């Protein structure tokens, strides 16, 4: 039974979703060489507009945030104009779409931005190579200076304003999955001894500064955030991380965001220091709207919503294989299975 997925959901006085199924952000690496989304990208999102809300693929806020080939940006006029074609197409089909704002931090690579420093919370490298370009080895990052951090906060806010200019209904700040904001929130990557390190309050400071700056530009009602309390991707876990999120999540509750989105590939993963799954932990300390994600079927997600584990369900790879995912679930039709070969094109 999935009937509860098809009732409207009021995020706030500004935004009401037509259903509780969200299209999760899915990196597709299909922008052109200037990192502008193409007409093909617009058609791809328009075909999925029946989702209650589309969260766009991760979109970089400035050149040194790029860690994958052909990922779109939101910092040049051409990129803003390209995204406007996308949002117009989604709105024409009755949908809503948020832009996911992204800086990859220590998994960025100078190959993409003509050389220069890779920035992170601390000078702690992650082992590995760039996906789709395995010849590029990750570099040891520079610990962001206080001036760097100030500029990063301003650039997130500007990207949010650019998103609204491009016609997005709001933004999701990407604070999860081992990328820049997440790198400040975990002891594996944050070894600072200043006001951005060591204590839960200090380690949460950058994330909250970004959130507050974005809210100041576009409003809390159009601002979401994704977080990964459980380290699982480009990040080693540390039991001390629990205290950071015990501080951060109640602080976020006070800001009345549009939603908080769990960052996890599989929500059945258990983290000892969180006392269970990521979504269960977030639910225990965060009071606002929670988006669950992580290999759920529609049926399992519906049951989780019934059990009050979260409020909205984000679906990822099945949306790649099934542009009409929402209609198929509503009608009880069989889904096309996802296959890795589908990543090579936008269908």
C-alpha atoms as a PDB file:
ATOM      1  CA  UNK A   1       0.000   0.000   0.000  1.00  0.00           C
ATOM      2  CA  UNK A   2       1.385   3.390  -1.001  1.00  0.00           C
ATOM      3  CA  UNK A   3      -1.654   5.663  -0.814  1.00  0.00           C
ATOM      4  CA  UNK A   4      -0.026   7.937   1.772  1.00  0.00           C
ATOM      5  CA  UNK A   5       2.621   8.909  -0.801  1.00  0.00           C
ATOM      6  CA  UNK A   6       0.002  10.608  -2.948  1.00  0.00           C
ATOM      7  CA  UNK A   7      -1.421  13.115  -0.495  1.00  0.00           C
ATOM      8  CA  UNK A   8      -0.166  16.722  -0.647  1.00  0.00           C
ATOM      9  CA  UNK A   9       2.431  17.854   1.869  1.00  0.00           C
ATOM     10  CA  UNK A  10       2.705  21.431   3.106  1.00  0.00           C
ATOM     11  CA  UNK A  11       6.350  22.321   3.613  1.00  0.00           C
ATOM     12  CA  UNK A  12       5.454  25.806   4.819  1.00  0.00           C
ATOM     13  CA  UNK A  13       3.235  28.759   3.911  1.00  0.00           C
ATOM     14  CA  UNK A  14       5.180  29.208   0.657  1.00  0.00           C
ATOM     15  CA  UNK A  15       5.416  25.671  -0.717  1.00  0.00           C
ATOM     16  CA  UNK A  16       3.000  22.743  -0.827  1.00  0.00           C
ATOM     17  CA  UNK A  17       4.062  19.558  -2.610  1.00  0.00           C
ATOM     18  CA  UNK A  18       1.530  17.603  -4.670  1.00  0.00           C
ATOM     19  CA  UNK A  19       2.804  14.293  -3.277  1.00  0.00           C
ATOM     20  CA  UNK A  20       5.435  12.931  -0.893  1.00  0.00           C
ATOM     21  CA  UNK A  21       7.777  11.434  -3.509  1.00  0.00           C
ATOM     22  CA  UNK A  22      10.920  13.475  -4.151  1.00  0.00           C
ATOM     23  CA  UNK A  23      13.407  12.894  -6.921  1.00  0.00           C
ATOM     24  CA  UNK A  24      16.743  12.627  -5.130  1.00  0.00           C
ATOM     25  CA  UNK A  25      19.802  14.503  -6.453  1.00  0.00           C
ATOM     26  CA  UNK A  26      21.617  12.340  -8.983  1.00  0.00           C
ATOM     27  CA  UNK A  27      24.983  13.375 -10.404  1.00  0.00           C
ATOM     28  CA  UNK A  28      24.846  12.761 -14.160  1.00  0.00           C
ATOM     29  CA  UNK A  29      27.916  14.661 -15.501  1.00  0.00           C
ATOM     30  CA  UNK A  30      25.982  15.823 -18.558  1.00  0.00           C
ATOM     31  CA  UNK A  31      26.576  19.599 -18.601  1.00  0.00           C
ATOM     32  CA  UNK A  32      28.494  21.095 -21.508  1.00  0.00           C
ATOM     33  CA  UNK A  33      32.143  22.143 -21.308  1.00  0.00           C
ATOM     34  CA  UNK A  34      31.158  25.489 -19.751  1.00  0.00           C
ATOM     35  CA  UNK A  35      29.183  23.568 -17.123  1.00  0.00           C
ATOM     36  CA  UNK A  36      25.894  24.809 -18.567  1.00  0.00           C
ATOM     37  CA  UNK A  37      22.908  22.433 -18.470  1.00  0.00           C
ATOM     38  CA  UNK A  38      21.745  21.592 -21.977  1.00  0.00           C
ATOM     39  CA  UNK A  39      18.309  21.223 -23.578  1.00  0.00           C
ATOM     40  CA  UNK A  40      18.726  17.485 -23.049  1.00  0.00           C
ATOM     41  CA  UNK A  41      19.052  18.139 -19.306  1.00  0.00           C
ATOM     42  CA  UNK A  42      15.880  20.246 -19.389  1.00  0.00           C
ATOM     43  CA  UNK A  43      13.995  17.458 -21.144  1.00  0.00           C
ATOM     44  CA  UNK A  44      15.308  14.932 -18.604  1.00  0.00           C
ATOM     45  CA  UNK A  45      13.964  16.869 -15.626  1.00  0.00           C
ATOM     46  CA  UNK A  46      10.701  17.819 -17.374  1.00  0.00           C
ATOM     47  CA  UNK A  47       9.898  14.127 -17.851  1.00  0.00           C
ATOM     48  CA  UNK A  48      10.114  13.674 -14.061  1.00  0.00           C
ATOM     49  CA  UNK A  49       8.043  16.715 -13.058  1.00  0.00           C
ATOM     50  CA  UNK A  50       5.310  14.588 -11.490  1.00  0.00           C
ATOM     51  CA  UNK A  51       7.558  14.171  -8.434  1.00  0.00           C
ATOM     52  CA  UNK A  52       6.339  16.224  -5.503  1.00  0.00           C
ATOM     53  CA  UNK A  53       9.730  17.932  -5.640  1.00  0.00           C
ATOM     54  CA  UNK A  54      12.797  17.426  -7.816  1.00  0.00           C
ATOM     55  CA  UNK A  55      16.146  18.077  -6.157  1.00  0.00           C
ATOM     56  CA  UNK A  56      18.602  18.794  -8.942  1.00  0.00           C
ATOM     57  CA  UNK A  57      21.890  17.077  -9.459  1.00  0.00           C
ATOM     58  CA  UNK A  58      24.623  18.605  -7.318  1.00  0.00           C
ATOM     59  CA  UNK A  59      25.543  21.992  -8.783  1.00  0.00           C
ATOM     60  CA  UNK A  60      28.821  23.711  -7.979  1.00  0.00           C
ATOM     61  CA  UNK A  61      28.820  27.172  -6.434  1.00  0.00           C
ATOM     62  CA  UNK A  62      32.191  28.268  -7.879  1.00  0.00           C
ATOM     63  CA  UNK A  63      34.994  26.832 -10.053  1.00  0.00           C
ATOM     64  CA  UNK A  64      37.166  25.332  -7.300  1.00  0.00           C
ATOM     65  CA  UNK A  65      34.216  23.297  -6.050  1.00  0.00           C
ATOM     66  CA  UNK A  66      34.352  20.895  -8.999  1.00  0.00           C
ATOM     67  CA  UNK A  67      35.346  17.292  -8.386  1.00  0.00           C
ATOM     68  CA  UNK A  68      33.694  15.454 -11.275  1.00  0.00           C
ATOM     69  CA  UNK A  69      33.657  16.092 -15.043  1.00  0.00           C
ATOM     70  CA  UNK A  70      30.831  18.091 -16.627  1.00  0.00           C
ATOM     71  CA  UNK A  71      28.923  18.818 -13.446  1.00  0.00           C
ATOM     72  CA  UNK A  72      26.815  21.969 -13.831  1.00  0.00           C
ATOM     73  CA  UNK A  73      27.494  25.266 -12.097  1.00  0.00           C
ATOM     74  CA  UNK A  74      25.402  28.177 -10.834  1.00  0.00           C
ATOM     75  CA  UNK A  75      27.926  31.013 -10.888  1.00  0.00           C
ATOM     76  CA  UNK A  76      28.013  32.376 -14.460  1.00  0.00           C
ATOM     77  CA  UNK A  77      25.267  34.119 -16.452  1.00  0.00           C
ATOM     78  CA  UNK A  78      25.325  31.305 -19.023  1.00  0.00           C
ATOM     79  CA  UNK A  79      24.822  28.684 -16.322  1.00  0.00           C
ATOM     80  CA  UNK A  80      21.957  30.649 -14.777  1.00  0.00           C
ATOM     81  CA  UNK A  81      20.330  30.999 -18.187  1.00  0.00           C
ATOM     82  CA  UNK A  82      20.792  27.297 -18.868  1.00  0.00           C
ATOM     83  CA  UNK A  83      19.110  26.392 -15.604  1.00  0.00           C
ATOM     84  CA  UNK A  84      16.257  28.774 -16.409  1.00  0.00           C
ATOM     85  CA  UNK A  85      15.438  26.590 -19.418  1.00  0.00           C
ATOM     86  CA  UNK A  86      15.342  23.591 -17.064  1.00  0.00           C
ATOM     87  CA  UNK A  87      13.122  25.202 -14.431  1.00  0.00           C
ATOM     88  CA  UNK A  88      10.750  26.574 -17.066  1.00  0.00           C
ATOM     89  CA  UNK A  89      10.343  23.062 -18.483  1.00  0.00           C
ATOM     90  CA  UNK A  90       9.663  21.556 -15.051  1.00  0.00           C
ATOM     91  CA  UNK A  91       7.158  24.275 -14.143  1.00  0.00           C
ATOM     92  CA  UNK A  92       5.395  23.936 -17.502  1.00  0.00           C
ATOM     93  CA  UNK A  93       4.773  20.295 -16.594  1.00  0.00           C
ATOM     94  CA  UNK A  94       3.430  21.224 -13.166  1.00  0.00           C
ATOM     95  CA  UNK A  95       6.495  20.366 -11.116  1.00  0.00           C
ATOM     96  CA  UNK A  96       8.678  21.996  -8.479  1.00  0.00           C
ATOM     97  CA  UNK A  97      12.477  21.913  -8.386  1.00  0.00           C
ATOM     98  CA  UNK A  98      15.187  22.855  -5.883  1.00  0.00           C
ATOM     99  CA  UNK A  99      18.846  23.326  -6.821  1.00  0.00           C
ATOM    100  CA  UNK A 100      21.366  21.359  -4.786  1.00  0.00           C
ATOM    101  CA  UNK A 101      24.286  23.677  -3.977  1.00  0.00           C
ATOM    102  CA  UNK A 102      27.656  21.931  -3.892  1.00  0.00           C
ATOM    103  CA  UNK A 103      31.312  22.417  -3.172  1.00  0.00           C
ATOM    104  CA  UNK A 104      33.266  19.166  -3.099  1.00  0.00           C
ATOM    105  CA  UNK A 105      36.055  20.441  -0.839  1.00  0.00           C
ATOM    106  CA  UNK A 106      38.980  18.030  -0.588  1.00  0.00           C
ATOM    107  CA  UNK A 107      37.679  15.828  -3.396  1.00  0.00           C
ATOM    108  CA  UNK A 108      37.828  18.710  -5.860  1.00  0.00           C
ATOM    109  CA  UNK A 109      40.667  18.576  -8.370  1.00  0.00           C
ATOM    110  CA  UNK A 110      42.743  21.418  -9.885  1.00  0.00           C
ATOM    111  CA  UNK A 111      42.398  19.755 -13.295  1.00  0.00           C
ATOM    112  CA  UNK A 112      38.906  21.242 -13.493  1.00  0.00           C
ATOM    113  CA  UNK A 113      39.694  24.816 -12.474  1.00  0.00           C
ATOM    114  CA  UNK A 114      43.095  25.471 -14.002  1.00  0.00           C
ATOM    115  CA  UNK A 115      45.262  24.844 -10.961  1.00  0.00           C
ATOM    116  CA  UNK A 116      45.379  26.338  -7.496  1.00  0.00           C
ATOM    117  CA  UNK A 117      44.483  25.168  -4.020  1.00  0.00           C
ATOM    118  CA  UNK A 118      41.974  22.509  -3.123  1.00  0.00           C
ATOM    119  CA  UNK A 119      40.199  23.700   0.021  1.00  0.00           C
ATOM    120  CA  UNK A 120      38.945  21.748   3.022  1.00  0.00           C
ATOM    121  CA  UNK A 121      38.533  22.103   6.760  1.00  0.00           C
ATOM    122  CA  UNK A 122      42.080  20.830   7.295  1.00  0.00           C
ATOM    123  CA  UNK A 123      45.051  19.616   5.289  1.00  0.00           C
ATOM    124  CA  UNK A 124      43.851  16.015   5.470  1.00  0.00           C
ATOM    125  CA  UNK A 125      43.816  14.221   2.133  1.00  0.00           C
ATOM    126  CA  UNK A 126      41.415  11.468   1.199  1.00  0.00           C
ATOM    127  CA  UNK A 127      42.822   8.497  -0.697  1.00  0.00           C
ATOM    128  CA  UNK A 128      41.495   7.769  -4.141  1.00  0.00           C
ATOM    129  CA  UNK A 129      40.944   9.127  -7.619  1.00  0.00           C
ATOM    130  CA  UNK A 130      38.310  11.204  -9.404  1.00  0.00           C
ATOM    131  CA  UNK A 131      35.307   9.146 -10.588  1.00  0.00           C
ATOM    132  CA  UNK A 132      35.133   8.847 -14.382  1.00  0.00           C
ATOM    133  CA  UNK A 133      38.694  10.216 -14.581  1.00  0.00           C
ATOM    134  CA  UNK A 134      40.675   7.719 -12.544  1.00  0.00           C
ATOM    135  CA  UNK A 135      44.007   9.110 -13.753  1.00  0.00           C
ATOM    136  CA  UNK A 136      43.411  12.135 -11.463  1.00  0.00           C
ATOM    137  CA  UNK A 137      44.613  11.430  -7.926  1.00  0.00           C
ATOM    138  CA  UNK A 138      43.150  13.413  -5.035  1.00  0.00           C
ATOM    139  CA  UNK A 139      45.428  16.166  -3.721  1.00  0.00           C
ATOM    140  CA  UNK A 140      46.282  17.182  -0.162  1.00  0.00           C
ATOM    141  CA  UNK A 141      43.990  20.147   0.460  1.00  0.00           C
ATOM    142  CA  UNK A 142      44.795  23.493   1.985  1.00  0.00           C
ATOM    143  CA  UNK A 143      43.097  24.214   5.297  1.00  0.00           C
ATOM    144  CA  UNK A 144      40.690  27.031   4.511  1.00  0.00           C
ATOM    145  CA  UNK A 145      41.767  30.321   6.105  1.00  0.00           C
ATOM    146  CA  UNK A 146      39.285  32.510   7.935  1.00  0.00           C
ATOM    147  CA  UNK A 147      39.163  34.729   4.853  1.00  0.00           C
ATOM    148  CA  UNK A 148      38.577  31.654   2.659  1.00  0.00           C
ATOM    149  CA  UNK A 149      35.700  30.614   4.904  1.00  0.00           C
ATOM    150  CA  UNK A 150      34.140  34.062   4.802  1.00  0.00           C
ATOM    151  CA  UNK A 151      34.262  34.011   0.998  1.00  0.00           C
ATOM    152  CA  UNK A 152      32.839  30.502   0.819  1.00  0.00           C
ATOM    153  CA  UNK A 153      29.862  31.527   2.943  1.00  0.00           C
ATOM    154  CA  UNK A 154      29.262  34.498   0.653  1.00  0.00           C
ATOM    155  CA  UNK A 155      29.541  32.274  -2.419  1.00  0.00           C
ATOM    156  CA  UNK A 156      26.958  29.811  -1.114  1.00  0.00           C
ATOM    157  CA  UNK A 157      24.584  32.722  -0.518  1.00  0.00           C
ATOM    158  CA  UNK A 158      25.225  34.113  -3.997  1.00  0.00           C
ATOM    159  CA  UNK A 159      24.617  30.699  -5.560  1.00  0.00           C
ATOM    160  CA  UNK A 160      21.297  30.516  -3.714  1.00  0.00           C
ATOM    161  CA  UNK A 161      20.327  33.921  -5.091  1.00  0.00           C
ATOM    162  CA  UNK A 162      21.414  32.761  -8.549  1.00  0.00           C
ATOM    163  CA  UNK A 163      19.198  29.692  -8.180  1.00  0.00           C
ATOM    164  CA  UNK A 164      16.152  31.821  -7.473  1.00  0.00           C
ATOM    165  CA  UNK A 165      17.093  34.033 -10.434  1.00  0.00           C
ATOM    166  CA  UNK A 166      17.236  30.867 -12.553  1.00  0.00           C
ATOM    167  CA  UNK A 167      13.680  29.993 -11.546  1.00  0.00           C
ATOM    168  CA  UNK A 168      14.291  27.319  -8.909  1.00  0.00           C
ATOM    169  CA  UNK A 169      11.660  27.054  -6.183  1.00  0.00           C
ATOM    170  CA  UNK A 170      14.403  26.835  -3.560  1.00  0.00           C
ATOM    171  CA  UNK A 171      17.743  25.205  -2.775  1.00  0.00           C
ATOM    172  CA  UNK A 172      19.092  22.231  -0.927  1.00  0.00           C
ATOM    173  CA  UNK A 173      22.528  22.970   0.528  1.00  0.00           C
ATOM    174  CA  UNK A 174      24.690  19.871   0.123  1.00  0.00           C
ATOM    175  CA  UNK A 175      26.153  19.347   3.577  1.00  0.00           C
ATOM    176  CA  UNK A 176      26.533  15.588   3.287  1.00  0.00           C
ATOM    177  CA  UNK A 177      28.434  12.694   1.712  1.00  0.00           C
ATOM    178  CA  UNK A 178      31.967  13.786   2.546  1.00  0.00           C
ATOM    179  CA  UNK A 179      31.913  17.086   0.645  1.00  0.00           C
ATOM    180  CA  UNK A 180      33.039  20.502   1.895  1.00  0.00           C
ATOM    181  CA  UNK A 181      30.455  21.323   4.563  1.00  0.00           C
ATOM    182  CA  UNK A 182      30.526  17.723   5.791  1.00  0.00           C
ATOM    183  CA  UNK A 183      34.317  17.950   6.051  1.00  0.00           C
ATOM    184  CA  UNK A 184      33.911  20.532   8.819  1.00  0.00           C
ATOM    185  CA  UNK A 185      31.476  18.261  10.688  1.00  0.00           C
ATOM    186  CA  UNK A 186      33.629  15.145  11.117  1.00  0.00           C
ATOM    187  CA  UNK A 187      36.803  14.611  13.121  1.00  0.00           C
ATOM    188  CA  UNK A 188      38.379  12.586  10.305  1.00  0.00           C
ATOM    189  CA  UNK A 189      38.619  15.703   8.135  1.00  0.00           C
ATOM    190  CA  UNK A 190      38.480  18.542  10.665  1.00  0.00           C
ATOM    191  CA  UNK A 191      41.670  18.863  12.742  1.00  0.00           C
ATOM    192  CA  UNK A 192      41.418  22.630  13.228  1.00  0.00           C
ATOM    193  CA  UNK A 193      42.289  24.323  16.529  1.00  0.00           C
ATOM    194  CA  UNK A 194      40.492  27.623  15.890  1.00  0.00           C
ATOM    195  CA  UNK A 195      36.829  28.664  16.090  1.00  0.00           C
ATOM    196  CA  UNK A 196      35.930  26.102  13.409  1.00  0.00           C
ATOM    197  CA  UNK A 197      37.396  23.034  15.108  1.00  0.00           C
ATOM    198  CA  UNK A 198      37.685  20.759  18.152  1.00  0.00           C
ATOM    199  CA  UNK A 199      34.297  21.357  19.859  1.00  0.00           C
ATOM    200  CA  UNK A 200      30.798  20.516  18.577  1.00  0.00           C
ATOM    201  CA  UNK A 201      29.870  24.200  18.520  1.00  0.00           C
ATOM    202  CA  UNK A 202      32.981  25.157  16.589  1.00  0.00           C
ATOM    203  CA  UNK A 203      32.743  22.272  14.127  1.00  0.00           C
ATOM    204  CA  UNK A 204      29.111  23.188  13.414  1.00  0.00           C
ATOM    205  CA  UNK A 205      29.928  26.850  12.875  1.00  0.00           C
ATOM    206  CA  UNK A 206      30.642  26.761   9.128  1.00  0.00           C
ATOM    207  CA  UNK A 207      27.500  24.763   8.327  1.00  0.00           C
ATOM    208  CA  UNK A 208      25.350  27.159  10.347  1.00  0.00           C
ATOM    209  CA  UNK A 209      27.007  30.208   8.806  1.00  0.00           C
ATOM    210  CA  UNK A 210      26.234  28.885   5.335  1.00  0.00           C
ATOM    211  CA  UNK A 211      22.647  28.075   6.272  1.00  0.00           C
ATOM    212  CA  UNK A 212      22.133  31.493   7.858  1.00  0.00           C
ATOM    213  CA  UNK A 213      23.628  33.305   4.877  1.00  0.00           C
ATOM    214  CA  UNK A 214      21.402  31.411   2.440  1.00  0.00           C
ATOM    215  CA  UNK A 215      18.329  32.049   4.599  1.00  0.00           C
ATOM    216  CA  UNK A 216      19.175  35.742   4.676  1.00  0.00           C
ATOM    217  CA  UNK A 217      19.255  35.810   0.859  1.00  0.00           C
ATOM    218  CA  UNK A 218      16.263  33.627  -0.093  1.00  0.00           C
ATOM    219  CA  UNK A 219      14.346  32.774   3.093  1.00  0.00           C
ATOM    220  CA  UNK A 220      14.164  29.695   5.320  1.00  0.00           C
ATOM    221  CA  UNK A 221      11.013  28.559   3.508  1.00  0.00           C
ATOM    222  CA  UNK A 222      13.049  27.980   0.339  1.00  0.00           C
ATOM    223  CA  UNK A 223      16.121  26.471   2.050  1.00  0.00           C
ATOM    224  CA  UNK A 224      16.783  22.790   2.676  1.00  0.00           C
ATOM    225  CA  UNK A 225      19.928  21.008   3.845  1.00  0.00           C
ATOM    226  CA  UNK A 226      21.343  17.533   3.414  1.00  0.00           C
ATOM    227  CA  UNK A 227      23.480  16.066   6.211  1.00  0.00           C
ATOM    228  CA  UNK A 228      25.355  12.812   6.879  1.00  0.00           C
ATOM    229  CA  UNK A 229      25.741  12.229  10.627  1.00  0.00           C
ATOM    230  CA  UNK A 230      27.072   8.767   9.800  1.00  0.00           C
ATOM    231  CA  UNK A 231      30.411   8.935   7.958  1.00  0.00           C
ATOM    232  CA  UNK A 232      30.311   6.471   5.072  1.00  0.00           C
ATOM    233  CA  UNK A 233      31.616   8.090   1.853  1.00  0.00           C
ATOM    234  CA  UNK A 234      35.079   9.674   1.512  1.00  0.00           C
ATOM    235  CA  UNK A 235      35.087   9.898   5.307  1.00  0.00           C
ATOM    236  CA  UNK A 236      36.112   7.690   8.247  1.00  0.00           C
ATOM    237  CA  UNK A 237      33.705   7.445  11.156  1.00  0.00           C
ATOM    238  CA  UNK A 238      34.551   8.692  14.618  1.00  0.00           C
ATOM    239  CA  UNK A 239      32.381   8.252  17.711  1.00  0.00           C
ATOM    240  CA  UNK A 240      33.039  11.905  18.600  1.00  0.00           C
ATOM    241  CA  UNK A 241      31.045  12.956  15.533  1.00  0.00           C
ATOM    242  CA  UNK A 242      27.815  12.166  17.412  1.00  0.00           C
ATOM    243  CA  UNK A 243      28.345  15.145  19.711  1.00  0.00           C
ATOM    244  CA  UNK A 244      28.769  17.455  16.715  1.00  0.00           C
ATOM    245  CA  UNK A 245      25.390  16.477  15.280  1.00  0.00           C
ATOM    246  CA  UNK A 246      23.793  16.476  18.737  1.00  0.00           C
ATOM    247  CA  UNK A 247      24.660  20.179  18.712  1.00  0.00           C
ATOM    248  CA  UNK A 248      23.988  20.924  15.037  1.00  0.00           C
ATOM    249  CA  UNK A 249      20.584  19.318  14.529  1.00  0.00           C
ATOM    250  CA  UNK A 250      18.717  21.123  17.344  1.00  0.00           C
ATOM    251  CA  UNK A 251      20.293  24.377  16.121  1.00  0.00           C
ATOM    252  CA  UNK A 252      18.901  23.627  12.660  1.00  0.00           C
ATOM    253  CA  UNK A 253      15.465  22.889  14.138  1.00  0.00           C
ATOM    254  CA  UNK A 254      15.354  26.478  15.352  1.00  0.00           C
ATOM    255  CA  UNK A 255      15.878  27.790  11.817  1.00  0.00           C
ATOM    256  CA  UNK A 256      12.634  26.327  10.420  1.00  0.00           C
ATOM    257  CA  UNK A 257      14.129  25.035   7.189  1.00  0.00           C
ATOM    258  CA  UNK A 258      11.933  23.757   4.377  1.00  0.00           C
ATOM    259  CA  UNK A 259      13.334  20.294   5.133  1.00  0.00           C
ATOM    260  CA  UNK A 260      16.346  18.311   6.267  1.00  0.00           C
ATOM    261  CA  UNK A 261      17.445  15.474   3.990  1.00  0.00           C
ATOM    262  CA  UNK A 262      19.276  12.403   5.291  1.00  0.00           C
ATOM    263  CA  UNK A 263      22.513  11.770   3.403  1.00  0.00           C
ATOM    264  CA  UNK A 264      22.988   8.020   3.067  1.00  0.00           C
ATOM    265  CA  UNK A 265      23.112   5.522   0.205  1.00  0.00           C
ATOM    266  CA  UNK A 266      21.385   2.751   2.163  1.00  0.00           C
ATOM    267  CA  UNK A 267      19.339   3.598   5.261  1.00  0.00           C
ATOM    268  CA  UNK A 268      19.625   0.038   6.546  1.00  0.00           C
ATOM    269  CA  UNK A 269      23.255   0.846   7.454  1.00  0.00           C
ATOM    270  CA  UNK A 270      23.717   0.919  11.213  1.00  0.00           C
ATOM    271  CA  UNK A 271      26.117   3.248  13.032  1.00  0.00           C
ATOM    272  CA  UNK A 272      27.034   2.289  16.580  1.00  0.00           C
ATOM    273  CA  UNK A 273      27.763   5.869  17.588  1.00  0.00           C
ATOM    274  CA  UNK A 274      24.355   6.998  16.295  1.00  0.00           C
ATOM    275  CA  UNK A 275      22.494   4.134  17.921  1.00  0.00           C
ATOM    276  CA  UNK A 276      21.115   2.841  14.624  1.00  0.00           C
ATOM    277  CA  UNK A 277      20.292   4.254  11.214  1.00  0.00           C
ATOM    278  CA  UNK A 278      20.936   7.804  10.043  1.00  0.00           C
ATOM    279  CA  UNK A 279      17.253   8.671   9.615  1.00  0.00           C
ATOM    280  CA  UNK A 280      16.296   7.248  13.014  1.00  0.00           C
ATOM    281  CA  UNK A 281      19.023   9.279  14.689  1.00  0.00           C
ATOM    282  CA  UNK A 282      18.070  12.513  12.900  1.00  0.00           C
ATOM    283  CA  UNK A 283      14.405  11.967  13.770  1.00  0.00           C
ATOM    284  CA  UNK A 284      15.326  11.683  17.448  1.00  0.00           C
ATOM    285  CA  UNK A 285      16.974  15.127  17.627  1.00  0.00           C
ATOM    286  CA  UNK A 286      15.541  17.170  14.731  1.00  0.00           C
ATOM    287  CA  UNK A 287      11.970  18.453  14.901  1.00  0.00           C
ATOM    288  CA  UNK A 288      11.310  19.710  11.360  1.00  0.00           C
ATOM    289  CA  UNK A 289      10.368  17.991   8.103  1.00  0.00           C
ATOM    290  CA  UNK A 290      12.691  15.049   7.397  1.00  0.00           C
ATOM    291  CA  UNK A 291      13.320  13.519   3.980  1.00  0.00           C
ATOM    292  CA  UNK A 292      14.227   9.849   4.114  1.00  0.00           C
ATOM    293  CA  UNK A 293      16.347   8.182   1.449  1.00  0.00           C
ATOM    294  CA  UNK A 294      18.544   5.157   0.947  1.00  0.00           C
ATOM    295  CA  UNK A 295      17.455   2.240  -1.253  1.00  0.00           C
ATOM    296  CA  UNK A 296      13.788   2.373  -0.235  1.00  0.00           C
ATOM    297  CA  UNK A 297      11.109   0.909  -2.433  1.00  0.00           C
ATOM    298  CA  UNK A 298       7.885   2.894  -2.644  1.00  0.00           C
ATOM    299  CA  UNK A 299       6.239   0.315  -0.396  1.00  0.00           C
ATOM    300  CA  UNK A 300       8.992   0.419   2.236  1.00  0.00           C
ATOM    301  CA  UNK A 301       9.090   4.216   2.127  1.00  0.00           C
ATOM    302  CA  UNK A 302       5.327   4.410   2.522  1.00  0.00           C
ATOM    303  CA  UNK A 303       5.488   2.126   5.557  1.00  0.00           C
ATOM    304  CA  UNK A 304       8.305   4.226   7.030  1.00  0.00           C
ATOM    305  CA  UNK A 305       6.206   7.386   6.644  1.00  0.00           C
ATOM    306  CA  UNK A 306       3.269   5.614   8.298  1.00  0.00           C
ATOM    307  CA  UNK A 307       5.605   4.697  11.156  1.00  0.00           C
ATOM    308  CA  UNK A 308       6.688   8.366  11.447  1.00  0.00           C
ATOM    309  CA  UNK A 309      10.293   7.540  10.628  1.00  0.00           C
ATOM    310  CA  UNK A 310      10.357  10.479   8.207  1.00  0.00           C
ATOM    311  CA  UNK A 311       7.896  12.709   6.350  1.00  0.00           C
ATOM    312  CA  UNK A 312       8.922  12.587   2.685  1.00  0.00           C
ATOM    313  CA  UNK A 313      10.552   9.886   0.559  1.00  0.00           C
ATOM    314  CA  UNK A 314      13.407  10.627  -1.862  1.00  0.00           C
ATOM    315  CA  UNK A 315      13.910   8.146  -4.686  1.00  0.00           C
ATOM    316  CA  UNK A 316      17.160   8.005  -6.643  1.00  0.00           C
ATOM    317  CA  UNK A 317      18.195   5.427  -9.219  1.00  0.00           C
ATOM    318  CA  UNK A 318      14.671   4.120  -9.937  1.00  0.00           C
ATOM    319  CA  UNK A 319      13.927   7.614 -11.274  1.00  0.00           C
ATOM    320  CA  UNK A 320      16.786   7.205 -13.766  1.00  0.00           C
ATOM    321  CA  UNK A 321      15.223   4.017 -15.091  1.00  0.00           C
ATOM    322  CA  UNK A 322      11.632   5.238 -14.834  1.00  0.00           C
ATOM    323  CA  UNK A 323      10.945   8.870 -15.795  1.00  0.00           C
ATOM    324  CA  UNK A 324       7.284   8.088 -15.037  1.00  0.00           C
ATOM    325  CA  UNK A 325       8.115   6.604 -11.618  1.00  0.00           C
ATOM    326  CA  UNK A 326       5.314   8.427  -9.805  1.00  0.00           C
ATOM    327  CA  UNK A 327       2.629   7.320 -12.259  1.00  0.00           C
ATOM    328  CA  UNK A 328       3.886   3.728 -12.220  1.00  0.00           C
ATOM    329  CA  UNK A 329       3.792   3.543  -8.434  1.00  0.00           C
ATOM    330  CA  UNK A 330       0.347   5.138  -8.328  1.00  0.00           C
ATOM    331  CA  UNK A 331      -1.003   2.680 -10.881  1.00  0.00           C
ATOM    332  CA  UNK A 332       0.816  -0.355  -9.513  1.00  0.00           C
ATOM    333  CA  UNK A 333       2.744  -0.849 -12.750  1.00  0.00           C
ATOM    334  CA  UNK A 334       6.002  -2.767 -12.900  1.00  0.00           C
ATOM    335  CA  UNK A 335       9.164  -0.661 -12.707  1.00  0.00           C
ATOM    336  CA  UNK A 336      12.050  -0.940 -15.151  1.00  0.00           C
ATOM    337  CA  UNK A 337      15.075  -2.183 -13.162  1.00  0.00           C
ATOM    338  CA  UNK A 338      17.972   0.251 -12.882  1.00  0.00           C
ATOM    339  CA  UNK A 339      21.196  -0.726 -14.663  1.00  0.00           C
ATOM    340  CA  UNK A 340      24.604   0.978 -14.555  1.00  0.00           C
ATOM    341  CA  UNK A 341      24.544   1.262 -18.347  1.00  0.00           C
ATOM    342  CA  UNK A 342      21.745   3.829 -17.981  1.00  0.00           C
ATOM    343  CA  UNK A 343      24.235   6.357 -16.624  1.00  0.00           C
ATOM    344  CA  UNK A 344      25.635   6.888 -20.102  1.00  0.00           C
ATOM    345  CA  UNK A 345      22.614   8.813 -21.371  1.00  0.00           C
ATOM    346  CA  UNK A 346      19.746  10.989 -20.231  1.00  0.00           C
ATOM    347  CA  UNK A 347      16.455   9.204 -20.852  1.00  0.00           C
END
